[in-house]
Amino acid sequence: MIETVDGEGTDWEYQPLRLPREVSRRTAATQLAVQAEFAGWELSRVRMYRDGTRTVWLRRQRSPIALPKLSL
């Protein structure tokens, strides 16, 4: 997990996910929507590779309250 501070002083935590090419776009979108709903993650960026795999970076604001871990 990577922690950064943006220009406005907001702390973010980032979590990279590697999705194999066998994972359909619809399945990936559903899994990411569940993470957004229940764990507070939002999509930061996506990188697609020639072999069809994708790296998805999720981010959420750091909170003093314990939030659920990523569960993909």
N, C-alpha and C. Protein backbone atom coordinates (compact mmCIF):
# COMPACT_ATOMS: atom_id res chain seq x y z
N MET A 1 0.85 -1.17 0.00
CA MET A 1 0.00 0.00 0.00
C MET A 1 0.89 1.23 0.00
N ILE A 2 0.54 2.23 -0.78
CA ILE A 2 1.30 3.46 -0.91
C ILE A 2 0.49 4.59 -0.31
N GLU A 3 1.14 5.45 0.43
CA GLU A 3 0.46 6.59 1.03
C GLU A 3 1.04 7.87 0.43
N THR A 4 0.19 8.79 0.04
CA THR A 4 0.64 10.06 -0.49
C THR A 4 -0.24 11.17 0.04
N VAL A 5 0.24 12.38 -0.12
CA VAL A 5 -0.52 13.56 0.25
C VAL A 5 -0.66 14.41 -1.00
N ASP A 6 -1.88 14.79 -1.34
CA ASP A 6 -2.07 15.63 -2.52
C ASP A 6 -1.79 17.09 -2.17
N GLY A 7 -1.91 17.98 -3.13
CA GLY A 7 -1.61 19.38 -2.94
C GLY A 7 -2.51 20.08 -1.93
N GLU A 8 -3.65 19.51 -1.62
CA GLU A 8 -4.60 20.12 -0.68
C GLU A 8 -4.45 19.57 0.73
N GLY A 9 -3.46 18.71 0.96
CA GLY A 9 -3.24 18.17 2.29
C GLY A 9 -4.06 16.94 2.61
N THR A 10 -4.70 16.33 1.63
CA THR A 10 -5.50 15.13 1.86
C THR A 10 -4.61 13.90 1.74
N ASP A 11 -4.66 13.05 2.75
CA ASP A 11 -3.91 11.80 2.70
C ASP A 11 -4.71 10.76 1.93
N TRP A 12 -4.06 10.08 1.00
CA TRP A 12 -4.68 9.02 0.23
C TRP A 12 -3.89 7.74 0.44
N GLU A 13 -4.58 6.62 0.40
CA GLU A 13 -3.89 5.34 0.33
C GLU A 13 -4.26 4.71 -1.00
N TYR A 14 -3.28 4.07 -1.61
CA TYR A 14 -3.45 3.45 -2.93
C TYR A 14 -3.24 1.96 -2.83
N GLN A 15 -3.97 1.23 -3.66
CA GLN A 15 -3.84 -0.22 -3.70
C GLN A 15 -3.85 -0.67 -5.16
N PRO A 16 -2.75 -1.26 -5.64
CA PRO A 16 -2.75 -1.77 -7.01
C PRO A 16 -3.36 -3.16 -7.08
N LEU A 17 -4.06 -3.44 -8.17
CA LEU A 17 -4.62 -4.77 -8.45
C LEU A 17 -4.19 -5.18 -9.84
N ARG A 18 -3.75 -6.40 -9.99
CA ARG A 18 -3.42 -6.93 -11.31
C ARG A 18 -4.55 -7.85 -11.73
N LEU A 19 -5.21 -7.53 -12.83
CA LEU A 19 -6.33 -8.35 -13.33
C LEU A 19 -5.86 -9.15 -14.53
N PRO A 20 -6.00 -10.47 -14.50
CA PRO A 20 -5.61 -11.29 -15.64
C PRO A 20 -6.53 -11.05 -16.84
N ARG A 21 -6.07 -11.40 -18.00
CA ARG A 21 -6.87 -11.15 -19.21
C ARG A 21 -8.16 -11.94 -19.25
N GLU A 22 -8.24 -13.02 -18.47
CA GLU A 22 -9.46 -13.84 -18.45
C GLU A 22 -10.61 -13.13 -17.74
N VAL A 23 -10.32 -12.11 -16.95
CA VAL A 23 -11.37 -11.37 -16.23
C VAL A 23 -12.03 -10.41 -17.22
N SER A 24 -13.32 -10.58 -17.41
CA SER A 24 -14.04 -9.72 -18.35
C SER A 24 -14.17 -8.31 -17.78
N ARG A 25 -14.42 -7.39 -18.66
CA ARG A 25 -14.60 -6.00 -18.24
C ARG A 25 -15.80 -5.87 -17.29
N ARG A 26 -16.86 -6.58 -17.57
CA ARG A 26 -18.06 -6.54 -16.73
C ARG A 26 -17.78 -7.10 -15.33
N THR A 27 -17.06 -8.21 -15.26
CA THR A 27 -16.71 -8.80 -13.96
C THR A 27 -15.82 -7.85 -13.17
N ALA A 28 -14.83 -7.27 -13.83
CA ALA A 28 -13.93 -6.33 -13.15
C ALA A 28 -14.72 -5.12 -12.64
N ALA A 29 -15.63 -4.60 -13.44
CA ALA A 29 -16.43 -3.44 -13.03
C ALA A 29 -17.30 -3.78 -11.82
N THR A 30 -17.86 -4.98 -11.81
CA THR A 30 -18.69 -5.40 -10.67
C THR A 30 -17.86 -5.51 -9.40
N GLN A 31 -16.69 -6.13 -9.49
CA GLN A 31 -15.82 -6.26 -8.32
C GLN A 31 -15.38 -4.89 -7.80
N LEU A 32 -15.05 -3.98 -8.71
CA LEU A 32 -14.63 -2.65 -8.29
C LEU A 32 -15.78 -1.86 -7.69
N ALA A 33 -16.98 -2.06 -8.19
CA ALA A 33 -18.15 -1.38 -7.62
C ALA A 33 -18.41 -1.85 -6.19
N VAL A 34 -18.22 -3.13 -5.93
CA VAL A 34 -18.38 -3.65 -4.56
C VAL A 34 -17.35 -3.02 -3.64
N GLN A 35 -16.11 -2.92 -4.10
CA GLN A 35 -15.07 -2.30 -3.28
C GLN A 35 -15.39 -0.83 -3.00
N ALA A 36 -15.93 -0.14 -3.98
CA ALA A 36 -16.30 1.27 -3.80
C ALA A 36 -17.43 1.40 -2.79
N GLU A 37 -18.40 0.52 -2.87
CA GLU A 37 -19.57 0.60 -2.00
C GLU A 37 -19.27 0.27 -0.55
N PHE A 38 -18.52 -0.80 -0.33
CA PHE A 38 -18.35 -1.30 1.03
C PHE A 38 -17.01 -0.97 1.68
N ALA A 39 -16.00 -0.59 0.90
CA ALA A 39 -14.68 -0.34 1.49
C ALA A 39 -14.16 1.07 1.19
N GLY A 40 -14.93 1.87 0.46
CA GLY A 40 -14.54 3.25 0.24
C GLY A 40 -13.50 3.49 -0.84
N TRP A 41 -13.18 2.48 -1.65
CA TRP A 41 -12.19 2.66 -2.71
C TRP A 41 -12.81 3.32 -3.93
N GLU A 42 -12.00 4.08 -4.66
CA GLU A 42 -12.42 4.65 -5.94
C GLU A 42 -11.32 4.39 -6.96
N LEU A 43 -11.70 4.37 -8.21
CA LEU A 43 -10.76 4.11 -9.29
C LEU A 43 -9.85 5.31 -9.47
N SER A 44 -8.55 5.07 -9.46
CA SER A 44 -7.58 6.14 -9.67
C SER A 44 -7.05 6.10 -11.10
N ARG A 45 -6.60 4.92 -11.54
CA ARG A 45 -6.14 4.77 -12.92
C ARG A 45 -6.09 3.31 -13.32
N VAL A 46 -6.07 3.08 -14.63
CA VAL A 46 -6.01 1.73 -15.19
C VAL A 46 -4.92 1.72 -16.24
N ARG A 47 -4.12 0.67 -16.23
CA ARG A 47 -3.12 0.49 -17.27
C ARG A 47 -3.36 -0.86 -17.91
N MET A 48 -3.52 -0.87 -19.22
CA MET A 48 -3.76 -2.11 -19.96
C MET A 48 -2.50 -2.47 -20.72
N TYR A 49 -2.14 -3.76 -20.67
CA TYR A 49 -0.94 -4.24 -21.32
C TYR A 49 -1.29 -5.00 -22.59
N ARG A 50 -0.30 -5.18 -23.44
CA ARG A 50 -0.53 -5.85 -24.73
C ARG A 50 -1.04 -7.28 -24.59
N ASP A 51 -0.66 -7.94 -23.49
CA ASP A 51 -1.10 -9.32 -23.30
C ASP A 51 -2.53 -9.42 -22.77
N GLY A 52 -3.19 -8.27 -22.55
CA GLY A 52 -4.58 -8.26 -22.10
C GLY A 52 -4.76 -8.11 -20.60
N THR A 53 -3.66 -8.18 -19.84
CA THR A 53 -3.77 -7.97 -18.41
C THR A 53 -3.91 -6.48 -18.12
N ARG A 54 -4.45 -6.18 -16.94
CA ARG A 54 -4.64 -4.78 -16.55
C ARG A 54 -4.13 -4.60 -15.12
N THR A 55 -3.57 -3.44 -14.87
CA THR A 55 -3.27 -3.03 -13.50
C THR A 55 -4.21 -1.89 -13.18
N VAL A 56 -4.96 -2.06 -12.12
CA VAL A 56 -5.93 -1.07 -11.67
C VAL A 56 -5.43 -0.50 -10.36
N TRP A 57 -5.38 0.82 -10.26
CA TRP A 57 -4.99 1.48 -9.01
C TRP A 57 -6.25 2.05 -8.38
N LEU A 58 -6.50 1.63 -7.13
CA LEU A 58 -7.63 2.15 -6.37
C LEU A 58 -7.08 3.11 -5.31
N ARG A 59 -7.89 4.08 -4.92
CA ARG A 59 -7.47 4.98 -3.86
C ARG A 59 -8.65 5.28 -2.95
N ARG A 60 -8.32 5.67 -1.73
CA ARG A 60 -9.33 6.14 -0.79
C ARG A 60 -8.65 7.08 0.19
N GLN A 61 -9.45 7.98 0.73
CA GLN A 61 -8.90 8.90 1.71
C GLN A 61 -8.60 8.14 2.99
N ARG A 62 -7.49 8.49 3.59
CA ARG A 62 -7.14 7.87 4.87
C ARG A 62 -8.13 8.33 5.92
N SER A 63 -8.46 7.44 6.80
CA SER A 63 -9.44 7.72 7.83
C SER A 63 -8.92 7.23 9.17
N PRO A 64 -9.22 7.95 10.26
CA PRO A 64 -8.81 7.46 11.57
C PRO A 64 -9.60 6.21 12.00
N ILE A 65 -10.72 5.97 11.33
CA ILE A 65 -11.55 4.79 11.60
C ILE A 65 -11.04 3.63 10.74
N ALA A 66 -10.96 2.46 11.29
CA ALA A 66 -10.51 1.30 10.52
C ALA A 66 -11.52 0.97 9.44
N LEU A 67 -11.07 0.94 8.20
CA LEU A 67 -11.92 0.60 7.06
C LEU A 67 -11.61 -0.82 6.61
N PRO A 68 -12.55 -1.48 5.95
CA PRO A 68 -12.31 -2.86 5.48
C PRO A 68 -11.14 -2.90 4.51
N LYS A 69 -10.41 -4.00 4.52
CA LYS A 69 -9.32 -4.22 3.59
C LYS A 69 -9.88 -4.58 2.22
N LEU A 70 -9.02 -4.51 1.22
CA LEU A 70 -9.38 -4.88 -0.13
C LEU A 70 -9.62 -6.39 -0.18
N SER A 71 -10.69 -6.82 -0.83
CA SER A 71 -11.04 -8.25 -0.80
C SER A 71 -11.35 -8.81 -2.17
N LEU A 72 -10.55 -8.49 -3.16
CA LEU A 72 -10.79 -9.06 -4.49
C LEU A 72 -10.15 -10.41 -4.63
